[in-house]
Amino acid sequence: MFKMLKYQLEYVWARLGEKGQGVVEYALILAFVVALVVFALGDNTAIGQSIRTLFANTAAKINAAAGTGATGAAPTNQ
């Protein structure tokens, strides 16, 4: 798998030169960060549970302040 990725990156670098190399490097960094976030927010991690609870509590407070209740539905204009 890594050998194929290496060949693909070499092809892109050869085609795009220095500028393309920078774009590919940023894309790889972005992919790595996304993979870390997906792992961190997983159901089996304490960080993921903490973040999920934080967002749920924040959403509940916003809904309570807006008067929408616990459903999370947006208020309608009547």
N, C-alpha and C. Protein backbone atom coordinates (compact mmCIF):
# COMPACT_ATOMS: atom_id res chain seq x y z
N MET A 1 0.83 -1.19 0.00
CA MET A 1 0.00 0.00 0.00
C MET A 1 0.87 1.25 0.00
N PHE A 2 1.89 1.28 0.86
CA PHE A 2 2.75 2.45 0.93
C PHE A 2 3.58 2.61 -0.34
N LYS A 3 3.92 1.49 -0.97
CA LYS A 3 4.69 1.54 -2.21
C LYS A 3 3.86 2.22 -3.30
N MET A 4 2.58 1.89 -3.36
CA MET A 4 1.71 2.50 -4.35
C MET A 4 1.55 4.00 -4.08
N LEU A 5 1.38 4.37 -2.80
CA LEU A 5 1.27 5.77 -2.43
C LEU A 5 2.54 6.52 -2.80
N LYS A 6 3.69 5.88 -2.59
CA LYS A 6 4.97 6.50 -2.93
C LYS A 6 5.03 6.79 -4.43
N TYR A 7 4.63 5.82 -5.24
CA TYR A 7 4.65 6.02 -6.69
C TYR A 7 3.69 7.12 -7.11
N GLN A 8 2.53 7.19 -6.47
CA GLN A 8 1.57 8.24 -6.81
C GLN A 8 2.11 9.61 -6.45
N LEU A 9 2.73 9.71 -5.28
CA LEU A 9 3.30 10.99 -4.88
C LEU A 9 4.45 11.41 -5.80
N GLU A 10 5.29 10.46 -6.18
CA GLU A 10 6.38 10.78 -7.10
C GLU A 10 5.84 11.26 -8.44
N TYR A 11 4.76 10.65 -8.90
CA TYR A 11 4.15 11.06 -10.17
C TYR A 11 3.63 12.49 -10.06
N VAL A 12 2.94 12.79 -8.96
CA VAL A 12 2.39 14.14 -8.77
C VAL A 12 3.52 15.15 -8.67
N TRP A 13 4.58 14.82 -7.93
CA TRP A 13 5.71 15.74 -7.80
C TRP A 13 6.37 16.00 -9.15
N ALA A 14 6.50 14.97 -9.95
CA ALA A 14 7.12 15.13 -11.26
C ALA A 14 6.25 15.98 -12.17
N ARG A 15 4.95 15.82 -12.08
CA ARG A 15 4.04 16.57 -12.95
C ARG A 15 3.88 18.03 -12.53
N LEU A 16 3.86 18.28 -11.24
CA LEU A 16 3.55 19.62 -10.77
C LEU A 16 4.77 20.40 -10.26
N GLY A 17 5.86 19.74 -10.07
CA GLY A 17 7.07 20.42 -9.62
C GLY A 17 6.98 20.84 -8.16
N GLU A 18 7.71 21.89 -7.81
CA GLU A 18 7.80 22.36 -6.43
C GLU A 18 6.44 22.78 -5.87
N LYS A 19 5.66 23.50 -6.66
CA LYS A 19 4.36 23.96 -6.19
C LYS A 19 3.46 22.76 -5.90
N GLY A 20 3.47 21.79 -6.76
CA GLY A 20 2.66 20.60 -6.57
C GLY A 20 3.09 19.81 -5.34
N GLN A 21 4.38 19.81 -5.08
CA GLN A 21 4.88 19.10 -3.92
C GLN A 21 4.32 19.71 -2.65
N GLY A 22 4.27 21.03 -2.58
CA GLY A 22 3.70 21.70 -1.42
C GLY A 22 2.23 21.37 -1.24
N VAL A 23 1.49 21.33 -2.34
CA VAL A 23 0.07 21.00 -2.28
C VAL A 23 -0.12 19.58 -1.76
N VAL A 24 0.67 18.67 -2.26
CA VAL A 24 0.58 17.27 -1.82
C VAL A 24 0.93 17.16 -0.34
N GLU A 25 1.94 17.87 0.10
CA GLU A 25 2.32 17.82 1.51
C GLU A 25 1.20 18.35 2.39
N TYR A 26 0.57 19.45 2.00
CA TYR A 26 -0.55 19.98 2.77
C TYR A 26 -1.72 19.00 2.77
N ALA A 27 -1.97 18.35 1.66
CA ALA A 27 -3.06 17.36 1.58
C ALA A 27 -2.78 16.19 2.51
N LEU A 28 -1.54 15.74 2.58
CA LEU A 28 -1.19 14.64 3.48
C LEU A 28 -1.32 15.05 4.94
N ILE A 29 -0.91 16.26 5.26
CA ILE A 29 -1.07 16.76 6.63
C ILE A 29 -2.54 16.85 6.99
N LEU A 30 -3.36 17.36 6.07
CA LEU A 30 -4.80 17.46 6.32
C LEU A 30 -5.41 16.08 6.53
N ALA A 31 -5.02 15.12 5.72
CA ALA A 31 -5.53 13.75 5.87
C ALA A 31 -5.13 13.18 7.24
N PHE A 32 -3.92 13.45 7.67
CA PHE A 32 -3.46 12.98 8.97
C PHE A 32 -4.26 13.61 10.11
N VAL A 33 -4.50 14.91 10.02
CA VAL A 33 -5.27 15.60 11.06
C VAL A 33 -6.70 15.07 11.10
N VAL A 34 -7.30 14.86 9.93
CA VAL A 34 -8.66 14.32 9.89
C VAL A 34 -8.70 12.93 10.52
N ALA A 35 -7.71 12.10 10.24
CA ALA A 35 -7.67 10.76 10.83
C ALA A 35 -7.55 10.85 12.36
N LEU A 36 -6.75 11.79 12.86
CA LEU A 36 -6.62 11.96 14.31
C LEU A 36 -7.94 12.41 14.93
N VAL A 37 -8.63 13.32 14.28
CA VAL A 37 -9.91 13.81 14.80
C VAL A 37 -10.94 12.69 14.83
N VAL A 38 -11.01 11.91 13.76
CA VAL A 38 -11.95 10.79 13.71
C VAL A 38 -11.64 9.81 14.83
N PHE A 39 -10.37 9.52 15.04
CA PHE A 39 -9.99 8.61 16.12
C PHE A 39 -10.33 9.20 17.49
N ALA A 40 -10.03 10.48 17.69
CA ALA A 40 -10.26 11.12 18.98
C ALA A 40 -11.74 11.22 19.32
N LEU A 41 -12.58 11.38 18.31
CA LEU A 41 -14.02 11.52 18.55
C LEU A 41 -14.75 10.19 18.52
N GLY A 42 -14.02 9.11 18.45
CA GLY A 42 -14.63 7.79 18.43
C GLY A 42 -15.39 7.50 19.72
N ASP A 43 -16.29 6.55 19.66
CA ASP A 43 -17.12 6.20 20.81
C ASP A 43 -16.32 5.59 21.95
N ASN A 44 -15.19 5.00 21.66
CA ASN A 44 -14.44 4.26 22.67
C ASN A 44 -13.38 5.09 23.37
N THR A 45 -13.32 6.37 23.11
CA THR A 45 -12.29 7.19 23.75
C THR A 45 -12.92 8.14 24.75
N ALA A 46 -12.18 8.42 25.81
CA ALA A 46 -12.66 9.34 26.84
C ALA A 46 -12.78 10.75 26.28
N ILE A 47 -11.86 11.13 25.42
CA ILE A 47 -11.91 12.47 24.82
C ILE A 47 -13.17 12.61 23.97
N GLY A 48 -13.46 11.59 23.18
CA GLY A 48 -14.65 11.62 22.34
C GLY A 48 -15.92 11.76 23.15
N GLN A 49 -16.00 11.00 24.25
CA GLN A 49 -17.18 11.09 25.12
C GLN A 49 -17.28 12.47 25.77
N SER A 50 -16.16 13.02 26.19
CA SER A 50 -16.16 14.35 26.81
C SER A 50 -16.61 15.42 25.83
N ILE A 51 -16.10 15.36 24.64
CA ILE A 51 -16.47 16.36 23.62
C ILE A 51 -17.94 16.20 23.25
N ARG A 52 -18.39 14.96 23.10
CA ARG A 52 -19.79 14.71 22.77
C ARG A 52 -20.71 15.25 23.87
N THR A 53 -20.34 15.02 25.13
CA THR A 53 -21.13 15.53 26.26
C THR A 53 -21.13 17.05 26.28
N LEU A 54 -19.97 17.66 26.03
CA LEU A 54 -19.88 19.11 26.00
C LEU A 54 -20.80 19.70 24.94
N PHE A 55 -20.79 19.12 23.73
CA PHE A 55 -21.67 19.63 22.68
C PHE A 55 -23.14 19.39 23.00
N ALA A 56 -23.46 18.25 23.60
CA ALA A 56 -24.85 17.97 23.97
C ALA A 56 -25.34 18.96 25.02
N ASN A 57 -24.51 19.25 26.02
CA ASN A 57 -24.89 20.23 27.05
C ASN A 57 -25.05 21.62 26.46
N THR A 58 -24.15 22.00 25.56
CA THR A 58 -24.23 23.31 24.92
C THR A 58 -25.50 23.42 24.08
N ALA A 59 -25.81 22.36 23.32
CA ALA A 59 -27.02 22.36 22.50
C ALA A 59 -28.26 22.45 23.38
N ALA A 60 -28.27 21.76 24.50
CA ALA A 60 -29.42 21.81 25.40
C ALA A 60 -29.62 23.22 25.96
N LYS A 61 -28.52 23.88 26.33
CA LYS A 61 -28.62 25.25 26.84
C LYS A 61 -29.11 26.21 25.78
N ILE A 62 -28.62 26.05 24.56
CA ILE A 62 -29.06 26.92 23.46
C ILE A 62 -30.54 26.69 23.18
N ASN A 63 -30.96 25.42 23.15
CA ASN A 63 -32.37 25.10 22.92
C ASN A 63 -33.25 25.65 24.03
N ALA A 64 -32.79 25.55 25.27
CA ALA A 64 -33.56 26.07 26.40
C ALA A 64 -33.69 27.59 26.30
N ALA A 65 -32.61 28.26 25.91
CA ALA A 65 -32.64 29.71 25.78
C ALA A 65 -33.54 30.14 24.63
N ALA A 66 -33.58 29.33 23.57
CA ALA A 66 -34.42 29.67 22.41
C ALA A 66 -35.86 29.23 22.61
N GLY A 67 -36.11 28.43 23.63
CA GLY A 67 -37.46 27.98 23.90
C GLY A 67 -37.93 26.85 23.01
N THR A 68 -36.99 26.09 22.43
CA THR A 68 -37.39 25.00 21.53
C THR A 68 -37.53 23.69 22.27
N GLY A 69 -37.16 23.62 23.50
CA GLY A 69 -37.25 22.36 24.23
C GLY A 69 -36.10 21.45 23.90
N ALA A 70 -36.25 20.19 24.22
CA ALA A 70 -35.17 19.24 24.04
C ALA A 70 -35.13 18.61 22.66
N THR A 71 -36.04 18.95 21.78
CA THR A 71 -36.10 18.30 20.47
C THR A 71 -35.02 18.83 19.54
N GLY A 72 -34.58 20.03 19.76
CA GLY A 72 -33.57 20.60 18.89
C GLY A 72 -34.14 21.19 17.62
N ALA A 73 -35.46 21.22 17.52
CA ALA A 73 -36.09 21.79 16.33
C ALA A 73 -36.00 23.30 16.35
N ALA A 74 -35.84 23.87 15.20
CA ALA A 74 -35.76 25.31 15.08
C ALA A 74 -37.15 25.92 15.24
N PRO A 75 -37.24 27.09 15.85
CA PRO A 75 -38.55 27.72 15.99
C PRO A 75 -39.10 28.12 14.63
N THR A 76 -40.39 28.06 14.50
CA THR A 76 -41.04 28.43 13.23
C THR A 76 -41.59 29.84 13.34
N ASN A 77 -41.63 30.53 12.24
CA ASN A 77 -42.20 31.88 12.18
C ASN A 77 -43.69 31.77 11.90
N GLN A 78 -44.48 32.10 12.91
CA GLN A 78 -45.95 32.01 12.73
C GLN A 78 -46.58 33.34 12.95
